[in-house]
Protein backbone atom coordinates (compact mmCIF):
# COMPACT_ATOMS: atom_id res chain seq x y z
CA UNK A 1 -64.82 125.36 75.55
CA UNK A 2 -61.92 127.73 74.78
CA UNK A 3 -60.15 128.79 77.98
CA UNK A 4 -60.96 132.43 77.24
CA UNK A 5 -64.65 131.63 77.70
CA UNK A 6 -64.49 129.66 80.91
CA UNK A 7 -66.09 131.40 83.90
CA UNK A 8 -63.82 133.06 86.45
CA UNK A 9 -64.72 132.93 90.13
CA UNK A 10 -63.31 135.34 92.71
CA UNK A 11 -64.88 135.76 96.14
CA UNK A 12 -68.66 135.98 95.58
CA UNK A 13 -68.27 137.25 92.02
CA UNK A 14 -68.39 135.13 88.87
CA UNK A 15 -67.37 136.50 85.48
CA UNK A 16 -69.02 134.79 82.52
CA UNK A 17 -65.67 134.69 80.68
CA UNK A 18 -62.06 135.87 80.94
CA UNK A 19 -62.50 139.02 78.85
CA UNK A 20 -62.34 142.34 80.70
CA UNK A 21 -62.77 145.89 79.48
CA UNK A 22 -59.91 147.97 80.85
CA UNK A 23 -60.68 151.29 82.55
CA UNK A 24 -60.50 153.69 79.61
CA UNK A 25 -60.82 157.38 80.38
CA UNK A 26 -63.38 159.01 78.12
CA UNK A 27 -62.81 162.59 79.31
CA UNK A 28 -66.52 163.15 78.77
CA UNK A 29 -67.88 163.72 82.26
CA UNK A 30 -69.45 167.01 83.32
CA UNK A 31 -68.33 168.25 86.75
CA UNK A 32 -67.43 164.66 87.57
CA UNK A 33 -70.81 163.24 86.53
CA UNK A 34 -70.93 160.43 83.96
CA UNK A 35 -73.19 161.18 81.00
CA UNK A 36 -75.18 159.28 78.40
CA UNK A 37 -71.87 158.84 76.57
CA UNK A 38 -70.65 156.61 79.38
CA UNK A 39 -73.87 154.60 79.39
CA UNK A 40 -73.64 153.90 75.67
CA UNK A 41 -69.86 153.36 75.68
CA UNK A 42 -69.85 150.93 78.60
CA UNK A 43 -73.24 149.42 77.86
CA UNK A 44 -72.28 148.43 74.34
CA UNK A 45 -69.31 146.44 75.69
CA UNK A 46 -71.64 144.61 78.09
CA UNK A 47 -74.00 143.84 75.23
CA UNK A 48 -70.94 142.71 73.26
CA UNK A 49 -70.21 139.94 75.75
CA UNK A 50 -67.40 141.10 78.06
CA UNK A 51 -67.30 139.44 81.47
CA UNK A 52 -65.93 142.39 83.45
CA UNK A 53 -66.17 146.10 82.69
CA UNK A 54 -64.11 148.51 84.78
CA UNK A 55 -65.37 152.06 84.71
CA UNK A 56 -62.67 154.61 84.02
CA UNK A 57 -60.23 156.20 86.48
CA UNK A 58 -62.55 158.13 88.78
CA UNK A 59 -61.18 160.93 90.92
CA UNK A 60 -61.44 160.53 94.67
CA UNK A 61 -61.09 164.32 94.98
CA UNK A 62 -61.48 167.25 92.58
CA UNK A 63 -57.72 167.84 92.36
CA UNK A 64 -57.20 164.12 91.78
CA UNK A 65 -58.77 164.25 88.32
CA UNK A 66 -56.54 163.99 85.28
CA UNK A 67 -58.69 166.47 83.39
CA UNK A 68 -61.91 168.46 83.82
CA UNK A 69 -63.66 165.66 81.90
CA UNK A 70 -62.92 162.90 84.41
CA UNK A 71 -65.60 161.13 86.39
CA UNK A 72 -65.60 161.75 90.13
CA UNK A 73 -66.62 160.06 93.36
CA UNK A 74 -65.87 162.70 95.99
CA UNK A 75 -69.55 163.35 96.74
CA UNK A 76 -72.64 161.28 97.42
CA UNK A 77 -74.17 163.06 94.44
CA UNK A 78 -72.26 160.67 92.17
CA UNK A 79 -73.86 157.52 93.57
CA UNK A 80 -77.08 157.74 91.56
CA UNK A 81 -75.52 158.28 88.11
CA UNK A 82 -72.97 155.56 88.77
CA UNK A 83 -75.80 153.25 89.85
CA UNK A 84 -77.41 153.81 86.46
CA UNK A 85 -74.23 152.54 84.79
CA UNK A 86 -73.67 149.55 87.06
CA UNK A 87 -77.32 148.52 86.81
CA UNK A 88 -77.22 148.43 83.03
CA UNK A 89 -73.97 146.45 82.98
CA UNK A 90 -75.40 143.85 85.37
CA UNK A 91 -78.62 143.63 83.37
CA UNK A 92 -76.59 142.59 80.34
CA UNK A 93 -74.40 140.03 82.04
CA UNK A 94 -71.23 141.96 82.87
CA UNK A 95 -69.75 142.50 86.32
CA UNK A 96 -69.38 146.24 86.95
CA UNK A 97 -66.02 147.40 88.24
CA UNK A 98 -64.70 150.84 89.10
CA UNK A 99 -61.18 152.21 89.25
CA UNK A 100 -60.69 154.93 91.86
CA UNK A 101 -57.71 157.20 91.44
CA UNK A 102 -55.70 160.31 92.24
CA UNK A 103 -53.67 161.70 89.34
CA UNK A 104 -51.08 163.52 91.45
CA UNK A 105 -48.63 165.59 89.42
CA UNK A 106 -50.26 164.49 86.14
CA UNK A 107 -53.55 166.16 87.10
CA UNK A 108 -54.97 169.46 85.85
CA UNK A 109 -54.44 168.53 82.21
CA UNK A 110 -56.31 169.18 79.00
CA UNK A 111 -58.14 166.34 77.35
CA UNK A 112 -55.80 164.38 75.02
CA UNK A 113 -57.44 165.79 71.90
CA UNK A 114 -57.17 169.31 73.31
CA UNK A 115 -53.41 169.13 73.77
CA UNK A 116 -52.83 166.65 76.59
CA UNK A 117 -50.86 169.36 78.39
CA UNK A 118 -51.27 171.18 81.67
CA UNK A 119 -54.14 173.62 81.85
CA UNK A 120 -53.38 177.30 82.08
CA UNK A 121 -54.87 179.36 84.93
CA UNK A 122 -57.39 180.97 82.58
CA UNK A 123 -58.48 177.46 81.52
CA UNK A 124 -59.37 176.47 85.07
CA UNK A 125 -56.08 174.90 86.19
CA UNK A 126 -55.87 173.61 89.75
CA UNK A 127 -52.94 172.89 92.04
CA UNK A 128 -51.11 169.64 91.35
CA UNK A 129 -49.75 167.50 94.16
CA UNK A 130 -47.00 164.91 94.41
CA UNK A 131 -44.66 163.21 96.85
CA UNK A 132 -41.92 165.66 95.84
CA UNK A 133 -41.77 169.00 93.99
CA UNK A 134 -40.65 167.30 90.77
CA UNK A 135 -42.51 167.87 87.51
CA UNK A 136 -43.39 164.99 85.20
CA UNK A 137 -41.88 166.94 82.31
CA UNK A 138 -42.50 167.08 78.57
CA UNK A 139 -46.09 168.24 78.02
CA UNK A 140 -46.77 168.30 81.80
CA UNK A 141 -44.19 170.79 83.10
CA UNK A 142 -45.95 172.13 86.19
CA UNK A 143 -44.06 171.43 89.41
CA UNK A 144 -46.41 169.86 91.99
CA UNK A 145 -46.59 170.90 95.61
CA UNK A 146 -45.07 168.29 97.89
CA UNK A 147 -47.72 166.65 100.01
CA UNK A 148 -47.69 167.23 103.74
CA UNK A 149 -48.61 164.40 106.12
CA UNK A 150 -52.10 165.88 106.64
CA UNK A 151 -52.47 166.06 102.82
CA UNK A 152 -51.60 162.38 102.55
CA UNK A 153 -54.08 161.47 105.26
CA UNK A 154 -56.80 163.52 103.56
CA UNK A 155 -56.24 161.75 100.24
CA UNK A 156 -56.24 158.33 101.90
CA UNK A 157 -59.57 159.18 103.52
CA UNK A 158 -60.85 160.22 100.09
CA UNK A 159 -60.01 156.73 98.78
CA UNK A 160 -61.94 155.23 101.70
CA UNK A 161 -64.94 157.48 101.10
CA UNK A 162 -64.79 156.72 97.38
CA UNK A 163 -64.84 152.99 98.10
CA UNK A 164 -67.94 153.39 100.28
CA UNK A 165 -69.70 155.32 97.54
CA UNK A 166 -68.68 152.76 94.92
CA UNK A 167 -70.28 150.03 97.01
CA UNK A 168 -73.46 152.08 97.39
CA UNK A 169 -73.50 152.54 93.60
CA UNK A 170 -73.53 148.79 92.96
CA UNK A 171 -69.86 148.29 92.06
CA UNK A 172 -68.83 144.65 92.51
CA UNK A 173 -65.13 144.87 91.62
CA UNK A 174 -63.05 147.73 93.02
CA UNK A 175 -59.66 148.63 91.58
CA UNK A 176 -57.21 151.06 93.19
CA UNK A 177 -55.16 152.88 90.56
CA UNK A 178 -51.54 152.50 91.66
CA UNK A 179 -50.08 152.75 88.14
CA UNK A 180 -49.09 154.97 85.22
CA UNK A 181 -47.24 157.71 87.05
CA UNK A 182 -50.25 158.87 89.01
CA UNK A 183 -50.03 159.63 92.71
CA UNK A 184 -49.48 156.17 94.22
CA UNK A 185 -46.99 155.14 91.55
CA UNK A 186 -45.11 158.41 91.96
CA UNK A 187 -44.63 157.53 95.65
CA UNK A 188 -43.31 154.07 94.71
CA UNK A 189 -40.88 155.14 92.01
CA UNK A 190 -37.46 156.58 92.96
CA UNK A 191 -37.69 158.58 89.74
CA UNK A 192 -40.39 160.78 91.24
CA UNK A 193 -40.07 160.38 95.02
CA UNK A 194 -37.23 162.31 96.66
CA UNK A 195 -38.74 162.58 100.13
CA UNK A 196 -36.58 162.19 103.24
CA UNK A 197 -39.40 161.38 105.68
CA UNK A 198 -41.31 158.13 106.27
CA UNK A 199 -42.74 158.23 102.74
CA UNK A 200 -39.47 158.33 100.83
CA UNK A 201 -36.09 156.67 100.43
CA UNK A 202 -36.26 153.02 101.44
CA UNK A 203 -38.54 150.42 99.89
CA UNK A 204 -40.65 150.32 103.05
CA UNK A 205 -41.09 154.09 102.96
CA UNK A 206 -41.80 154.35 99.22
CA UNK A 207 -44.51 151.71 99.53
CA UNK A 208 -46.04 153.18 102.69
CA UNK A 209 -48.69 155.14 100.76
CA UNK A 210 -49.77 151.93 99.00
CA UNK A 211 -49.92 149.86 102.15
CA UNK A 212 -51.73 152.44 104.25
CA UNK A 213 -54.21 153.37 101.55
CA UNK A 214 -54.95 149.76 100.72
CA UNK A 215 -55.38 148.80 104.39
CA UNK A 216 -57.79 151.69 104.95
CA UNK A 217 -59.91 150.72 101.94
CA UNK A 218 -59.79 147.05 102.90
CA UNK A 219 -61.56 147.92 106.18
CA UNK A 220 -64.62 149.30 104.38
CA UNK A 221 -64.75 147.12 101.27
CA UNK A 222 -66.69 143.87 101.84
CA UNK A 223 -64.67 140.66 102.00
CA UNK A 224 -67.20 139.04 99.68
CA UNK A 225 -66.23 141.35 96.78
CA UNK A 226 -62.87 141.56 94.98
CA UNK A 227 -60.52 144.35 96.02
CA UNK A 228 -57.89 144.77 93.35
CA UNK A 229 -54.96 146.99 92.38
CA UNK A 230 -53.61 148.13 89.03
CA UNK A 231 -49.86 148.51 89.29
CA UNK A 232 -47.04 149.64 87.04
CA UNK A 233 -44.69 146.77 87.82
CA UNK A 234 -41.71 148.25 85.98
CA UNK A 235 -40.56 151.71 84.96
CA UNK A 236 -38.39 150.23 82.17
CA UNK A 237 -35.65 152.61 83.31
CA UNK A 238 -32.50 152.27 85.40
CA UNK A 239 -33.14 153.64 88.86
CA UNK A 240 -36.89 153.12 88.60
CA UNK A 241 -39.34 150.50 89.84
CA UNK A 242 -38.24 146.94 89.10
CA UNK A 243 -40.27 143.78 88.67
CA UNK A 244 -38.54 142.30 91.71
CA UNK A 245 -39.63 145.25 93.88
CA UNK A 246 -43.16 145.00 92.53
CA UNK A 247 -43.36 141.29 93.32
CA UNK A 248 -42.38 142.02 96.91
CA UNK A 249 -44.97 144.81 97.16
CA UNK A 250 -47.66 142.55 95.70
CA UNK A 251 -46.79 139.86 98.26
CA UNK A 252 -47.21 142.40 101.06
CA UNK A 253 -50.50 143.64 99.65
CA UNK A 254 -51.68 140.05 99.35
CA UNK A 255 -50.94 139.56 103.05
CA UNK A 256 -53.02 142.70 103.70
CA UNK A 257 -55.98 141.28 101.77
CA UNK A 258 -55.35 141.99 98.07
CA UNK A 259 -57.46 139.66 95.93
CA UNK A 260 -56.18 140.32 92.41
CA UNK A 261 -53.48 142.31 90.58
CA UNK A 262 -54.01 144.10 87.27
CA UNK A 263 -50.53 144.06 85.71
CA UNK A 264 -49.51 147.23 83.90
CA UNK A 265 -46.34 149.25 83.40
CA UNK A 266 -44.51 152.53 83.02
CA UNK A 267 -45.52 156.15 82.47
CA UNK A 268 -43.87 157.72 85.51
CA UNK A 269 -41.51 159.55 83.14
CA UNK A 270 -42.29 160.82 79.63
CA UNK A 271 -39.64 158.70 77.86
CA UNK A 272 -41.39 155.67 76.33
CA UNK A 273 -38.58 154.63 74.00
CA UNK A 274 -37.32 151.82 76.23
CA UNK A 275 -40.64 149.95 76.33
CA UNK A 276 -40.43 146.74 74.24
CA UNK A 277 -43.70 147.34 72.41
CA UNK A 278 -45.15 144.33 70.65
CA UNK A 279 -48.21 142.04 70.72
CA UNK A 280 -48.74 140.77 74.25
CA UNK A 281 -45.36 142.04 75.48
CA UNK A 282 -46.51 142.05 79.12
CA UNK A 283 -47.76 138.45 79.14
CA UNK A 284 -44.42 136.91 80.25
CA UNK A 285 -44.16 139.45 83.09
CA UNK A 286 -47.72 138.72 84.20
CA UNK A 287 -46.91 135.01 84.15
CA UNK A 288 -43.89 135.55 86.40
CA UNK A 289 -45.90 137.66 88.84
CA UNK A 290 -48.70 135.10 88.97
CA UNK A 291 -46.19 132.31 89.56
CA UNK A 292 -44.16 134.12 92.24
CA UNK A 293 -47.01 135.74 94.19
CA UNK A 294 -49.76 133.15 93.84
CA UNK A 295 -52.29 135.89 93.07
CA UNK A 296 -54.64 135.76 90.10
CA UNK A 297 -54.05 138.59 87.68
CA UNK A 298 -54.97 140.27 84.43
CA UNK A 299 -52.83 141.61 81.63
CA UNK A 300 -53.43 143.75 78.58
CA UNK A 301 -51.49 145.99 76.19
CA UNK A 302 -51.41 145.18 72.48
CA UNK A 303 -53.40 141.96 72.75
CA UNK A 304 -55.75 141.72 69.80
CA UNK A 305 -55.49 138.17 68.47
CA UNK A 306 -58.04 135.85 70.14
CA UNK A 307 -55.61 132.93 69.83
CA UNK A 308 -52.91 134.78 71.75
CA UNK A 309 -55.43 135.81 74.41
CA UNK A 310 -56.78 132.26 74.71
CA UNK A 311 -53.28 130.77 74.95
CA UNK A 312 -52.29 133.20 77.72
CA UNK A 313 -55.20 131.95 79.83
CA UNK A 314 -54.96 128.29 78.81
CA UNK A 315 -51.23 128.17 79.60
CA UNK A 316 -51.74 129.66 83.05
CA UNK A 317 -49.91 132.92 82.34
CA UNK A 318 -52.85 135.06 83.40
CA UNK A 319 -56.47 134.81 84.47
CA UNK A 320 -58.10 137.69 82.60
CA UNK A 321 -57.32 139.58 79.40
CA UNK A 322 -57.72 143.36 79.69
CA UNK A 323 -58.76 144.95 76.41
CA UNK A 324 -58.83 148.66 75.69
CA UNK A 325 -58.16 149.86 72.13
CA UNK A 326 -59.33 146.54 70.74
CA UNK A 327 -62.67 147.09 72.44
CA UNK A 328 -62.85 150.56 70.91
CA UNK A 329 -62.33 149.04 67.49
CA UNK A 330 -64.86 146.30 68.10
CA UNK A 331 -67.32 146.32 71.04
CA UNK A 332 -68.29 142.80 69.97
CA UNK A 333 -64.76 141.42 70.17
CA UNK A 334 -65.88 138.65 72.58
CA UNK A 335 -68.46 137.39 70.07
CA UNK A 336 -66.01 137.52 67.18
CA UNK A 337 -63.31 135.87 69.32
CA UNK A 338 -65.72 133.08 70.20
CA UNK A 339 -66.35 132.48 66.51
CA UNK A 340 -62.62 132.50 65.74
CA UNK A 341 -61.86 130.03 68.54
CA UNK A 342 -64.59 127.56 67.64
CA UNK A 343 -66.90 128.22 70.56
CA UNK A 344 -69.91 125.90 70.22
CA UNK A 345 -72.44 128.65 70.98
CA UNK A 346 -70.93 132.06 70.17
CA UNK A 347 -74.39 133.60 69.94
CA UNK A 348 -74.87 132.89 73.64
CA UNK A 349 -72.64 135.89 74.32
CA UNK A 350 -75.14 138.26 72.73
CA UNK A 351 -78.54 139.44 73.97
CA UNK A 352 -81.54 137.82 72.38
CA UNK A 353 -82.34 141.05 70.52
CA UNK A 354 -79.22 140.37 68.42
CA UNK A 355 -78.79 136.61 68.67
CA UNK A 356 -82.25 135.82 67.35
CA UNK A 357 -81.53 137.51 64.04
CA UNK A 358 -77.92 136.47 63.67
CA UNK A 359 -78.67 132.77 64.02
CA UNK A 360 -80.39 132.79 60.68
């Protein structure tokens, strides 16, 4: 059995293989509600054989959305439509996950294909928030309002309430979005946090939002289910977040009950020229984090070759492979990867409605 297709056990959850669908924003929700688009998009990846499917970054509050097309979880009204998604994913063998998020200063933006820039007031723009009144820049020039302590507490409660609703909706794998320049990451990075109170300056202060928010969610999320974090572990820029800092933060989160780390990177500033793009470029970093923290993890970014993915798992560099664009190109990537890697029964990844005809 190729390592990529061995089951993965975490708490009371078992993934049928090591292939995960990363949380890919579809910008296709209506007033925060997922639509039939989400059912077909996510459902086809479950039918295609993925072990874990994480539903896109879902706003814990209206102002926490990246765009007007984001899914939301700030009301009980979202439980039923999310339940429809999680039920279908389970029915077809995938574990349903959800990423809950607050976009911070990168919120109130147009959909990528509509400009990927900040909305104008006549387009329905809303107030953006951040640790400091410092704009992201480039196509997102709006200066956010610096959060007050009551603001921070309100957002942390929104994460807690979102976690409760996720559980009610049948989510089995919860991921807190602490990456990509969104609110939590912008607290962590010295490139975006210039506060002089208990949430800025020192490492302890810059990670306070992470630790408090995680601890609050940990109290309401069942111990039997994985509670995970996606983190930008490096800003790739002098003066920004370093891998060493991230390892220390992950260790502290582990002590607070973190079960799994989804390794990601960057995007707290608009300059992407320093990122060493290439196939599987984050795998060595994920391996170091796994080795030095003792936590299982996942890694993605420019992984498309099944052999590279299989080797990363077989060699102990990571536990799960997060696929995004490759899953857009091919929802049946797990089946095709199984064929490429010599899996004895690749058709076992597909539902009988497909496998019956393809075996001939």
